[in-house]
Amino acid sequence: MDDCIFCAIGQGQTDTLQLYTDKECFVIRDIYPAAPTHLLIIPHDHITSLTIDTSAIESVMGHLFTVAYKMAHVECVQERGYRLVLNQGQDSGQAIAHLHLHLLAGKQLPTLG
């Protein structure tokens, strides 16, 4: 998508530091962090929602979770714990219409529910 900031970052069109990248996704720090460690794990493919073909989503989400696990170790937050969040749609607070996973850590996070 021409107007998607995540697509521009993934294609190297900005000066945003990519902490990790592979053929399927990349990782950046959130510019509005909700925790001391707040990473965004973003697929290169412009996927706007979880409502696309189930088999494609399964593959992408599995890879994003694998990369989240690796990044938790890189950031040294695996011992104390971390939260993975995926916002889906406007009511969830999804600000950018490009599927992405948040990794939050580095402080005691509030209990959900």
PDB file of N, CA and C in Angstrom:
ATOM      1  N   MET A   1       0.850  -1.187   0.000  1.00  0.00           N
ATOM      2  CA  MET A   1       0.000   0.000   0.000  1.00  0.00           C
ATOM      3  C   MET A   1       0.891   1.244   0.000  1.00  0.00           C
ATOM      4  N   ASP A   2       0.564   2.187  -0.861  1.00  0.00           N
ATOM      5  CA  ASP A   2       1.374   3.398  -1.007  1.00  0.00           C
ATOM      6  C   ASP A   2       1.360   4.290   0.224  1.00  0.00           C
ATOM      7  N   ASP A   3       0.254   4.296   0.971  1.00  0.00           N
ATOM      8  CA  ASP A   3       0.141   5.217   2.096  1.00  0.00           C
ATOM      9  C   ASP A   3       0.298   4.535   3.457  1.00  0.00           C
ATOM     10  N   CYS A   4       0.805   3.319   3.501  1.00  0.00           N
ATOM     11  CA  CYS A   4       0.954   2.581   4.756  1.00  0.00           C
ATOM     12  C   CYS A   4       2.354   2.814   5.324  1.00  0.00           C
ATOM     13  N   ILE A   5       2.416   3.383   6.512  1.00  0.00           N
ATOM     14  CA  ILE A   5       3.704   3.669   7.141  1.00  0.00           C
ATOM     15  C   ILE A   5       4.489   2.384   7.413  1.00  0.00           C
ATOM     16  N   PHE A   6       3.798   1.304   7.795  1.00  0.00           N
ATOM     17  CA  PHE A   6       4.517   0.054   8.056  1.00  0.00           C
ATOM     18  C   PHE A   6       5.107  -0.523   6.772  1.00  0.00           C
ATOM     19  N   CYS A   7       4.398  -0.405   5.667  1.00  0.00           N
ATOM     20  CA  CYS A   7       4.948  -0.864   4.382  1.00  0.00           C
ATOM     21  C   CYS A   7       6.180  -0.039   4.018  1.00  0.00           C
ATOM     22  N   ALA A   8       6.117   1.273   4.228  1.00  0.00           N
ATOM     23  CA  ALA A   8       7.256   2.148   3.924  1.00  0.00           C
ATOM     24  C   ALA A   8       8.464   1.781   4.789  1.00  0.00           C
ATOM     25  N   ILE A   9       8.238   1.527   6.071  1.00  0.00           N
ATOM     26  CA  ILE A   9       9.334   1.143   6.964  1.00  0.00           C
ATOM     27  C   ILE A   9       9.929  -0.189   6.522  1.00  0.00           C
ATOM     28  N   GLY A  10       9.070  -1.151   6.240  1.00  0.00           N
ATOM     29  CA  GLY A  10       9.526  -2.478   5.830  1.00  0.00           C
ATOM     30  C   GLY A  10      10.328  -2.463   4.539  1.00  0.00           C
ATOM     31  N   GLN A  11      10.011  -1.520   3.653  1.00  0.00           N
ATOM     32  CA  GLN A  11      10.719  -1.394   2.379  1.00  0.00           C
ATOM     33  C   GLN A  11      11.951  -0.493   2.484  1.00  0.00           C
ATOM     34  N   GLY A  12      12.260  -0.019   3.707  1.00  0.00           N
ATOM     35  CA  GLY A  12      13.447   0.802   3.911  1.00  0.00           C
ATOM     36  C   GLY A  12      13.307   2.221   3.413  1.00  0.00           C
ATOM     37  N   GLN A  13      12.074   2.716   3.271  1.00  0.00           N
ATOM     38  CA  GLN A  13      11.835   4.062   2.768  1.00  0.00           C
ATOM     39  C   GLN A  13      11.874   5.127   3.860  1.00  0.00           C
ATOM     40  N   THR A  14      12.119   4.723   5.111  1.00  0.00           N
ATOM     41  CA  THR A  14      12.251   5.668   6.214  1.00  0.00           C
ATOM     42  C   THR A  14      13.568   5.381   6.925  1.00  0.00           C
ATOM     43  N   ASP A  15      13.920   6.238   7.869  1.00  0.00           N
ATOM     44  CA  ASP A  15      15.154   6.001   8.633  1.00  0.00           C
ATOM     45  C   ASP A  15      14.886   5.239   9.937  1.00  0.00           C
ATOM     46  N   THR A  16      13.720   4.599  10.043  1.00  0.00           N
ATOM     47  CA  THR A  16      13.358   3.835  11.232  1.00  0.00           C
ATOM     48  C   THR A  16      14.292   2.633  11.388  1.00  0.00           C
ATOM     49  N   LEU A  17      14.839   2.476  12.574  1.00  0.00           N
ATOM     50  CA  LEU A  17      15.733   1.362  12.869  1.00  0.00           C
ATOM     51  C   LEU A  17      14.937   0.065  12.951  1.00  0.00           C
ATOM     52  N   GLN A  18      15.301  -0.899  12.148  1.00  0.00           N
ATOM     53  CA  GLN A  18      14.708  -2.228  12.225  1.00  0.00           C
ATOM     54  C   GLN A  18      15.615  -3.083  13.099  1.00  0.00           C
ATOM     55  N   LEU A  19      15.086  -3.534  14.228  1.00  0.00           N
ATOM     56  CA  LEU A  19      15.857  -4.338  15.170  1.00  0.00           C
ATOM     57  C   LEU A  19      16.083  -5.752  14.649  1.00  0.00           C
ATOM     58  N   TYR A  20      15.176  -6.193  13.804  1.00  0.00           N
ATOM     59  CA  TYR A  20      15.232  -7.533  13.237  1.00  0.00           C
ATOM     60  C   TYR A  20      14.478  -7.486  11.916  1.00  0.00           C
ATOM     61  N   THR A  21      14.944  -8.257  10.960  1.00  0.00           N
ATOM     62  CA  THR A  21      14.195  -8.398   9.711  1.00  0.00           C
ATOM     63  C   THR A  21      14.524  -9.756   9.090  1.00  0.00           C
ATOM     64  N   ASP A  22      13.537 -10.326   8.450  1.00  0.00           N
ATOM     65  CA  ASP A  22      13.721 -11.526   7.654  1.00  0.00           C
ATOM     66  C   ASP A  22      12.776 -11.417   6.464  1.00  0.00           C
ATOM     67  N   LYS A  23      12.622 -12.481   5.697  1.00  0.00           N
ATOM     68  CA  LYS A  23      11.805 -12.389   4.486  1.00  0.00           C
ATOM     69  C   LYS A  23      10.317 -12.208   4.784  1.00  0.00           C
ATOM     70  N   GLU A  24       9.878 -12.537   6.006  1.00  0.00           N
ATOM     71  CA  GLU A  24       8.457 -12.478   6.333  1.00  0.00           C
ATOM     72  C   GLU A  24       8.046 -11.289   7.200  1.00  0.00           C
ATOM     73  N   CYS A  25       8.950 -10.788   8.040  1.00  0.00           N
ATOM     74  CA  CYS A  25       8.554  -9.712   8.955  1.00  0.00           C
ATOM     75  C   CYS A  25       9.761  -8.881   9.382  1.00  0.00           C
ATOM     76  N   PHE A  26       9.459  -7.820  10.125  1.00  0.00           N
ATOM     77  CA  PHE A  26      10.503  -6.985  10.703  1.00  0.00           C
ATOM     78  C   PHE A  26      10.024  -6.493  12.064  1.00  0.00           C
ATOM     79  N   VAL A  27      10.958  -5.988  12.872  1.00  0.00           N
ATOM     80  CA  VAL A  27      10.655  -5.539  14.233  1.00  0.00           C
ATOM     81  C   VAL A  27      11.206  -4.139  14.430  1.00  0.00           C
ATOM     82  N   ILE A  28      10.354  -3.279  15.010  1.00  0.00           N
ATOM     83  CA  ILE A  28      10.758  -1.913  15.358  1.00  0.00           C
ATOM     84  C   ILE A  28      10.288  -1.604  16.776  1.00  0.00           C
ATOM     85  N   ARG A  29      10.806  -0.519  17.330  1.00  0.00           N
ATOM     86  CA  ARG A  29      10.300  -0.041  18.622  1.00  0.00           C
ATOM     87  C   ARG A  29       9.076   0.850  18.362  1.00  0.00           C
ATOM     88  N   ASP A  30       8.097   0.743  19.245  1.00  0.00           N
ATOM     89  CA  ASP A  30       6.914   1.595  19.143  1.00  0.00           C
ATOM     90  C   ASP A  30       7.312   3.028  19.490  1.00  0.00           C
ATOM     91  N   ILE A  31       6.857   3.997  18.718  1.00  0.00           N
ATOM     92  CA  ILE A  31       7.206   5.401  18.993  1.00  0.00           C
ATOM     93  C   ILE A  31       6.393   5.977  20.147  1.00  0.00           C
ATOM     94  N   TYR A  32       5.333   5.296  20.553  1.00  0.00           N
ATOM     95  CA  TYR A  32       4.534   5.687  21.715  1.00  0.00           C
ATOM     96  C   TYR A  32       4.474   4.498  22.673  1.00  0.00           C
ATOM     97  N   PRO A  33       5.587   4.191  23.336  1.00  0.00           N
ATOM     98  CA  PRO A  33       5.650   2.962  24.131  1.00  0.00           C
ATOM     99  C   PRO A  33       4.697   2.963  25.329  1.00  0.00           C
ATOM    100  N   ALA A  34       4.050   1.814  25.528  1.00  0.00           N
ATOM    101  CA  ALA A  34       3.164   1.610  26.668  1.00  0.00           C
ATOM    102  C   ALA A  34       3.875   0.850  27.787  1.00  0.00           C
ATOM    103  N   ALA A  35       5.144   0.518  27.574  1.00  0.00           N
ATOM    104  CA  ALA A  35       5.979  -0.170  28.559  1.00  0.00           C
ATOM    105  C   ALA A  35       7.430   0.141  28.205  1.00  0.00           C
ATOM    106  N   PRO A  36       8.354  -0.068  29.159  1.00  0.00           N
ATOM    107  CA  PRO A  36       9.768   0.190  28.856  1.00  0.00           C
ATOM    108  C   PRO A  36      10.266  -0.537  27.607  1.00  0.00           C
ATOM    109  N   THR A  37       9.832  -1.763  27.402  1.00  0.00           N
ATOM    110  CA  THR A  37      10.104  -2.482  26.161  1.00  0.00           C
ATOM    111  C   THR A  37       8.779  -2.599  25.424  1.00  0.00           C
ATOM    112  N   HIS A  38       8.705  -1.998  24.257  1.00  0.00           N
ATOM    113  CA  HIS A  38       7.481  -2.055  23.448  1.00  0.00           C
ATOM    114  C   HIS A  38       7.907  -2.186  21.993  1.00  0.00           C
ATOM    115  N   LEU A  39       7.858  -3.411  21.509  1.00  0.00           N
ATOM    116  CA  LEU A  39       8.258  -3.699  20.137  1.00  0.00           C
ATOM    117  C   LEU A  39       7.031  -3.977  19.283  1.00  0.00           C
ATOM    118  N   LEU A  40       7.143  -3.693  18.001  1.00  0.00           N
ATOM    119  CA  LEU A  40       6.118  -4.036  17.024  1.00  0.00           C
ATOM    120  C   LEU A  40       6.714  -5.060  16.073  1.00  0.00           C
ATOM    121  N   ILE A  41       6.040  -6.170  15.924  1.00  0.00           N
ATOM    122  CA  ILE A  41       6.470  -7.249  15.037  1.00  0.00           C
ATOM    123  C   ILE A  41       5.491  -7.229  13.867  1.00  0.00           C
ATOM    124  N   ILE A  42       5.993  -6.908  12.677  1.00  0.00           N
ATOM    125  CA  ILE A  42       5.145  -6.524  11.555  1.00  0.00           C
ATOM    126  C   ILE A  42       5.458  -7.380  10.326  1.00  0.00           C
ATOM    127  N   PRO A  43       4.441  -8.010   9.736  1.00  0.00           N
ATOM    128  CA  PRO A  43       4.705  -8.748   8.502  1.00  0.00           C
ATOM    129  C   PRO A  43       4.997  -7.792   7.347  1.00  0.00           C
ATOM    130  N   HIS A  44       5.870  -8.206   6.445  1.00  0.00           N
ATOM    131  CA  HIS A  44       6.138  -7.401   5.251  1.00  0.00           C
ATOM    132  C   HIS A  44       4.897  -7.305   4.370  1.00  0.00           C
ATOM    133  N   ASP A  45       4.150  -8.394   4.261  1.00  0.00           N
ATOM    134  CA  ASP A  45       2.930  -8.368   3.458  1.00  0.00           C
ATOM    135  C   ASP A  45       1.909  -7.443   4.095  1.00  0.00           C
ATOM    136  N   HIS A  46       1.248  -6.660   3.276  1.00  0.00           N
ATOM    137  CA  HIS A  46       0.232  -5.726   3.780  1.00  0.00           C
ATOM    138  C   HIS A  46      -1.064  -6.500   4.033  1.00  0.00           C
ATOM    139  N   ILE A  47      -1.179  -6.977   5.261  1.00  0.00           N
ATOM    140  CA  ILE A  47      -2.374  -7.695   5.704  1.00  0.00           C
ATOM    141  C   ILE A  47      -3.132  -6.745   6.616  1.00  0.00           C
ATOM    142  N   THR A  48      -4.362  -6.436   6.265  1.00  0.00           N
ATOM    143  CA  THR A  48      -5.109  -5.444   7.040  1.00  0.00           C
ATOM    144  C   THR A  48      -5.884  -6.040   8.202  1.00  0.00           C
ATOM    145  N   SER A  49      -6.213  -7.326   8.132  1.00  0.00           N
ATOM    146  CA  SER A  49      -7.003  -7.897   9.216  1.00  0.00           C
ATOM    147  C   SER A  49      -6.837  -9.403   9.272  1.00  0.00           C
ATOM    148  N   LEU A  50      -7.408  -9.978  10.309  1.00  0.00           N
ATOM    149  CA  LEU A  50      -7.375 -11.420  10.493  1.00  0.00           C
ATOM    150  C   LEU A  50      -8.440 -12.133   9.670  1.00  0.00           C
ATOM    151  N   THR A  51      -9.205 -11.393   8.884  1.00  0.00           N
ATOM    152  CA  THR A  51     -10.317 -11.983   8.153  1.00  0.00           C
ATOM    153  C   THR A  51      -9.943 -12.521   6.785  1.00  0.00           C
ATOM    154  N   ILE A  52      -8.656 -12.476   6.438  1.00  0.00           N
ATOM    155  CA  ILE A  52      -8.245 -13.035   5.146  1.00  0.00           C
ATOM    156  C   ILE A  52      -8.127 -14.552   5.258  1.00  0.00           C
ATOM    157  N   ASP A  53      -7.720 -15.195   4.206  1.00  0.00           N
ATOM    158  CA  ASP A  53      -7.593 -16.648   4.141  1.00  0.00           C
ATOM    159  C   ASP A  53      -6.932 -17.215   5.402  1.00  0.00           C
ATOM    160  N   THR A  54      -7.614 -18.135   6.051  1.00  0.00           N
ATOM    161  CA  THR A  54      -7.171 -18.692   7.326  1.00  0.00           C
ATOM    162  C   THR A  54      -5.793 -19.333   7.253  1.00  0.00           C
ATOM    163  N   SER A  55      -5.493 -20.072   6.213  1.00  0.00           N
ATOM    164  CA  SER A  55      -4.193 -20.735   6.124  1.00  0.00           C
ATOM    165  C   SER A  55      -3.061 -19.715   6.018  1.00  0.00           C
ATOM    166  N   ALA A  56      -3.291 -18.612   5.325  1.00  0.00           N
ATOM    167  CA  ALA A  56      -2.273 -17.561   5.215  1.00  0.00           C
ATOM    168  C   ALA A  56      -2.041 -16.910   6.577  1.00  0.00           C
ATOM    169  N   ILE A  57      -3.108 -16.614   7.297  1.00  0.00           N
ATOM    170  CA  ILE A  57      -2.989 -16.001   8.622  1.00  0.00           C
ATOM    171  C   ILE A  57      -2.274 -16.940   9.584  1.00  0.00           C
ATOM    172  N   GLU A  58      -2.588 -18.217   9.529  1.00  0.00           N
ATOM    173  CA  GLU A  58      -1.959 -19.186  10.424  1.00  0.00           C
ATOM    174  C   GLU A  58      -0.448 -19.180  10.251  1.00  0.00           C
ATOM    175  N   SER A  59       0.015 -19.157   9.038  1.00  0.00           N
ATOM    176  CA  SER A  59       1.445 -19.141   8.755  1.00  0.00           C
ATOM    177  C   SER A  59       2.088 -17.848   9.251  1.00  0.00           C
ATOM    178  N   VAL A  60       1.474 -16.726   8.930  1.00  0.00           N
ATOM    179  CA  VAL A  60       2.013 -15.423   9.336  1.00  0.00           C
ATOM    180  C   VAL A  60       2.038 -15.297  10.856  1.00  0.00           C
ATOM    181  N   MET A  61       0.924 -15.614  11.517  1.00  0.00           N
ATOM    182  CA  MET A  61       0.860 -15.454  12.975  1.00  0.00           C
ATOM    183  C   MET A  61       1.848 -16.381  13.672  1.00  0.00           C
ATOM    184  N   GLY A  62       1.981 -17.596  13.176  1.00  0.00           N
ATOM    185  CA  GLY A  62       2.968 -18.505  13.765  1.00  0.00           C
ATOM    186  C   GLY A  62       4.365 -17.926  13.695  1.00  0.00           C
ATOM    187  N   HIS A  63       4.696 -17.323  12.566  1.00  0.00           N
ATOM    188  CA  HIS A  63       6.021 -16.726  12.421  1.00  0.00           C
ATOM    189  C   HIS A  63       6.182 -15.504  13.332  1.00  0.00           C
ATOM    190  N   LEU A  64       5.151 -14.675  13.437  1.00  0.00           N
ATOM    191  CA  LEU A  64       5.244 -13.500  14.312  1.00  0.00           C
ATOM    192  C   LEU A  64       5.472 -13.921  15.757  1.00  0.00           C
ATOM    193  N   PHE A  65       4.816 -14.987  16.195  1.00  0.00           N
ATOM    194  CA  PHE A  65       5.016 -15.464  17.565  1.00  0.00           C
ATOM    195  C   PHE A  65       6.424 -16.028  17.751  1.00  0.00           C
ATOM    196  N   THR A  66       6.955 -16.694  16.761  1.00  0.00           N
ATOM    197  CA  THR A  66       8.328 -17.196  16.831  1.00  0.00           C
ATOM    198  C   THR A  66       9.320 -16.043  16.940  1.00  0.00           C
ATOM    199  N   VAL A  67       9.119 -15.004  16.152  1.00  0.00           N
ATOM    200  CA  VAL A  67       9.999 -13.835  16.209  1.00  0.00           C
ATOM    201  C   VAL A  67       9.838 -13.116  17.555  1.00  0.00           C
ATOM    202  N   ALA A  68       8.623 -13.051  18.087  1.00  0.00           N
ATOM    203  CA  ALA A  68       8.402 -12.436  19.408  1.00  0.00           C
ATOM    204  C   ALA A  68       9.218 -13.165  20.469  1.00  0.00           C
ATOM    205  N   TYR A  69       9.207 -14.474  20.432  1.00  0.00           N
ATOM    206  CA  TYR A  69       9.982 -15.282  21.375  1.00  0.00           C
ATOM    207  C   TYR A  69      11.474 -14.939  21.270  1.00  0.00           C
ATOM    208  N   LYS A  70      11.985 -14.860  20.042  1.00  0.00           N
ATOM    209  CA  LYS A  70      13.398 -14.510  19.829  1.00  0.00           C
ATOM    210  C   LYS A  70      13.700 -13.113  20.354  1.00  0.00           C
ATOM    211  N   MET A  71      12.815 -12.154  20.072  1.00  0.00           N
ATOM    212  CA  MET A  71      13.051 -10.774  20.488  1.00  0.00           C
ATOM    213  C   MET A  71      12.975 -10.626  22.007  1.00  0.00           C
ATOM    214  N   ALA A  72      12.130 -11.399  22.671  1.00  0.00           N
ATOM    215  CA  ALA A  72      12.081 -11.378  24.137  1.00  0.00           C
ATOM    216  C   ALA A  72      13.440 -11.766  24.714  1.00  0.00           C
ATOM    217  N   HIS A  73      14.103 -12.711  24.083  1.00  0.00           N
ATOM    218  CA  HIS A  73      15.440 -13.102  24.528  1.00  0.00           C
ATOM    219  C   HIS A  73      16.468 -12.019  24.208  1.00  0.00           C
ATOM    220  N   VAL A  74      16.391 -11.443  23.030  1.00  0.00           N
ATOM    221  CA  VAL A  74      17.314 -10.365  22.647  1.00  0.00           C
ATOM    222  C   VAL A  74      17.184  -9.189  23.614  1.00  0.00           C
ATOM    223  N   GLU A  75      15.957  -8.872  24.002  1.00  0.00           N
ATOM    224  CA  GLU A  75      15.689  -7.739  24.894  1.00  0.00           C
ATOM    225  C   GLU A  75      15.847  -8.109  26.367  1.00  0.00           C
ATOM    226  N   CYS A  76      16.165  -9.366  26.647  1.00  0.00           N
ATOM    227  CA  CYS A  76      16.367  -9.873  28.013  1.00  0.00           C
ATOM    228  C   CYS A  76      15.138  -9.691  28.897  1.00  0.00           C
ATOM    229  N   VAL A  77      13.963  -9.951  28.344  1.00  0.00           N
ATOM    230  CA  VAL A  77      12.726  -9.836  29.113  1.00  0.00           C
ATOM    231  C   VAL A  77      12.029 -11.187  29.284  1.00  0.00           C
ATOM    232  N   GLN A  78      12.629 -12.259  28.786  1.00  0.00           N
ATOM    233  CA  GLN A  78      11.989 -13.561  28.826  1.00  0.00           C
ATOM    234  C   GLN A  78      11.838 -14.088  30.248  1.00  0.00           C
ATOM    235  N   GLU A  79      12.747 -13.756  31.147  1.00  0.00           N
ATOM    236  CA  GLU A  79      12.701 -14.275  32.514  1.00  0.00           C
ATOM    237  C   GLU A  79      11.543 -13.691  33.321  1.00  0.00           C
ATOM    238  N   ARG A  80      11.375 -12.390  33.274  1.00  0.00           N
ATOM    239  CA  ARG A  80      10.330 -11.732  34.070  1.00  0.00           C
ATOM    240  C   ARG A  80       8.973 -11.770  33.387  1.00  0.00           C
ATOM    241  N   GLY A  81       8.974 -11.922  32.082  1.00  0.00           N
ATOM    242  CA  GLY A  81       7.721 -12.067  31.354  1.00  0.00           C
ATOM    243  C   GLY A  81       7.440 -10.902  30.419  1.00  0.00           C
ATOM    244  N   TYR A  82       6.537 -11.162  29.501  1.00  0.00           N
ATOM    245  CA  TYR A  82       6.162 -10.166  28.507  1.00  0.00           C
ATOM    246  C   TYR A  82       4.742 -10.464  28.050  1.00  0.00           C
ATOM    247  N   ARG A  83       4.124  -9.481  27.451  1.00  0.00           N
ATOM    248  CA  ARG A  83       2.762  -9.617  26.936  1.00  0.00           C
ATOM    249  C   ARG A  83       2.794  -9.427  25.429  1.00  0.00           C
ATOM    250  N   LEU A  84       2.052 -10.271  24.728  1.00  0.00           N
ATOM    251  CA  LEU A  84       1.868 -10.126  23.291  1.00  0.00           C
ATOM    252  C   LEU A  84       0.429  -9.690  23.050  1.00  0.00           C
ATOM    253  N   VAL A  85       0.277  -8.632  22.259  1.00  0.00           N
ATOM    254  CA  VAL A  85      -1.045  -8.055  22.012  1.00  0.00           C
ATOM    255  C   VAL A  85      -1.233  -7.876  20.514  1.00  0.00           C
ATOM    256  N   LEU A  86      -2.406  -8.252  20.042  1.00  0.00           N
ATOM    257  CA  LEU A  86      -2.787  -7.998  18.664  1.00  0.00           C
ATOM    258  C   LEU A  86      -4.139  -7.296  18.695  1.00  0.00           C
ATOM    259  N   ASN A  87      -4.176  -6.081  18.197  1.00  0.00           N
ATOM    260  CA  ASN A  87      -5.427  -5.332  18.112  1.00  0.00           C
ATOM    261  C   ASN A  87      -6.038  -5.580  16.738  1.00  0.00           C
ATOM    262  N   GLN A  88      -7.304  -5.937  16.717  1.00  0.00           N
ATOM    263  CA  GLN A  88      -7.982  -6.251  15.465  1.00  0.00           C
ATOM    264  C   GLN A  88      -9.193  -5.331  15.303  1.00  0.00           C
ATOM    265  N   GLY A  89      -9.061  -4.363  14.424  1.00  0.00           N
ATOM    266  CA  GLY A  89     -10.183  -3.487  14.102  1.00  0.00           C
ATOM    267  C   GLY A  89     -10.242  -2.222  14.941  1.00  0.00           C
ATOM    268  N   GLN A  90     -11.096  -1.332  14.514  1.00  0.00           N
ATOM    269  CA  GLN A  90     -11.216  -0.002  15.095  1.00  0.00           C
ATOM    270  C   GLN A  90     -11.568  -0.029  16.586  1.00  0.00           C
ATOM    271  N   ASP A  91     -12.512  -0.862  16.991  1.00  0.00           N
ATOM    272  CA  ASP A  91     -12.928  -0.888  18.393  1.00  0.00           C
ATOM    273  C   ASP A  91     -11.841  -1.408  19.329  1.00  0.00           C
ATOM    274  N   SER A  92     -10.858  -2.103  18.802  1.00  0.00           N
ATOM    275  CA  SER A  92      -9.780  -2.646  19.636  1.00  0.00           C
ATOM    276  C   SER A  92      -8.691  -1.616  19.905  1.00  0.00           C
ATOM    277  N   GLY A  93      -8.715  -0.531  19.139  1.00  0.00           N
ATOM    278  CA  GLY A  93      -7.661   0.466  19.262  1.00  0.00           C
ATOM    279  C   GLY A  93      -6.596   0.334  18.200  1.00  0.00           C
ATOM    280  N   GLN A  94      -6.837  -0.490  17.186  1.00  0.00           N
ATOM    281  CA  GLN A  94      -5.864  -0.641  16.102  1.00  0.00           C
ATOM    282  C   GLN A  94      -5.737   0.689  15.364  1.00  0.00           C
ATOM    283  N   ALA A  95      -4.551   1.283  15.433  1.00  0.00           N
ATOM    284  CA  ALA A  95      -4.336   2.618  14.862  1.00  0.00           C
ATOM    285  C   ALA A  95      -3.872   2.567  13.407  1.00  0.00           C
ATOM    286  N   ILE A  96      -3.202   1.493  13.014  1.00  0.00           N
ATOM    287  CA  ILE A  96      -2.683   1.377  11.649  1.00  0.00           C
ATOM    288  C   ILE A  96      -3.264   0.098  11.041  1.00  0.00           C
ATOM    289  N   ALA A  97      -3.872   0.227   9.888  1.00  0.00           N
ATOM    290  CA  ALA A  97      -4.537  -0.909   9.235  1.00  0.00           C
ATOM    291  C   ALA A  97      -3.524  -1.811   8.538  1.00  0.00           C
ATOM    292  N   HIS A  98      -2.615  -2.349   9.325  1.00  0.00           N
ATOM    293  CA  HIS A  98      -1.616  -3.310   8.865  1.00  0.00           C
ATOM    294  C   HIS A  98      -1.369  -4.209  10.069  1.00  0.00           C
ATOM    295  N   LEU A  99      -1.713  -5.474   9.939  1.00  0.00           N
ATOM    296  CA  LEU A  99      -1.575  -6.424  11.032  1.00  0.00           C
ATOM    297  C   LEU A  99      -0.200  -6.303  11.690  1.00  0.00           C
ATOM    298  N   HIS A 100      -0.171  -6.272  13.023  1.00  0.00           N
ATOM    299  CA  HIS A 100       1.101  -6.251  13.745  1.00  0.00           C
ATOM    300  C   HIS A 100       0.890  -6.739  15.171  1.00  0.00           C
ATOM    301  N   LEU A 101       1.948  -7.251  15.750  1.00  0.00           N
ATOM    302  CA  LEU A 101       1.932  -7.808  17.090  1.00  0.00           C
ATOM    303  C   LEU A 101       2.777  -6.915  17.989  1.00  0.00           C
ATOM    304  N   HIS A 102       2.237  -6.576  19.168  1.00  0.00           N
ATOM    305  CA  HIS A 102       2.965  -5.785  20.158  1.00  0.00           C
ATOM    306  C   HIS A 102       3.625  -6.722  21.168  1.00  0.00           C
ATOM    307  N   LEU A 103       4.865  -6.458  21.509  1.00  0.00           N
ATOM    308  CA  LEU A 103       5.545  -7.140  22.607  1.00  0.00           C
ATOM    309  C   LEU A 103       5.792  -6.079  23.668  1.00  0.00           C
ATOM    310  N   LEU A 104       5.180  -6.267  24.840  1.00  0.00           N
ATOM    311  CA  LEU A 104       5.277  -5.305  25.936  1.00  0.00           C
ATOM    312  C   LEU A 104       5.958  -5.976  27.125  1.00  0.00           C
ATOM    313  N   ALA A 105       6.909  -5.273  27.738  1.00  0.00           N
ATOM    314  CA  ALA A 105       7.635  -5.851  28.869  1.00  0.00           C
ATOM    315  C   ALA A 105       8.404  -4.753  29.591  1.00  0.00           C
ATOM    316  N   GLY A 106       9.047  -5.157  30.679  1.00  0.00           N
ATOM    317  CA  GLY A 106       9.940  -4.243  31.388  1.00  0.00           C
ATOM    318  C   GLY A 106       9.324  -3.596  32.618  1.00  0.00           C
ATOM    319  N   LYS A 107       8.076  -3.932  32.912  1.00  0.00           N
ATOM    320  CA  LYS A 107       7.421  -3.444  34.118  1.00  0.00           C
ATOM    321  C   LYS A 107       6.252  -4.378  34.417  1.00  0.00           C
ATOM    322  N   GLN A 108       5.713  -4.262  35.621  1.00  0.00           N
ATOM    323  CA  GLN A 108       4.518  -5.032  35.968  1.00  0.00           C
ATOM    324  C   GLN A 108       3.349  -4.466  35.186  1.00  0.00           C
ATOM    325  N   LEU A 109       2.782  -5.272  34.309  1.00  0.00           N
ATOM    326  CA  LEU A 109       1.653  -4.841  33.492  1.00  0.00           C
ATOM    327  C   LEU A 109       0.355  -5.125  34.239  1.00  0.00           C
ATOM    328  N   PRO A 110      -0.654  -4.287  34.029  1.00  0.00           N
ATOM    329  CA  PRO A 110      -1.931  -4.517  34.734  1.00  0.00           C
ATOM    330  C   PRO A 110      -2.575  -5.822  34.288  1.00  0.00           C
ATOM    331  N   THR A 111      -3.261  -6.442  35.214  1.00  0.00           N
ATOM    332  CA  THR A 111      -4.012  -7.665  34.915  1.00  0.00           C
ATOM    333  C   THR A 111      -5.170  -7.323  33.989  1.00  0.00           C
ATOM    334  N   LEU A 112      -5.388  -8.150  33.000  1.00  0.00           N
ATOM    335  CA  LEU A 112      -6.514  -7.959  32.098  1.00  0.00           C
ATOM    336  C   LEU A 112      -7.703  -8.778  32.573  1.00  0.00           C
ATOM    337  N   GLY A 113      -8.883  -8.238  32.339  1.00  0.00           N
ATOM    338  CA  GLY A 113     -10.086  -9.025  32.627  1.00  0.00           C
ATOM    339  C   GLY A 113     -10.743  -8.745  33.882  1.00  0.00           C
TER     340      GLY A 113
END
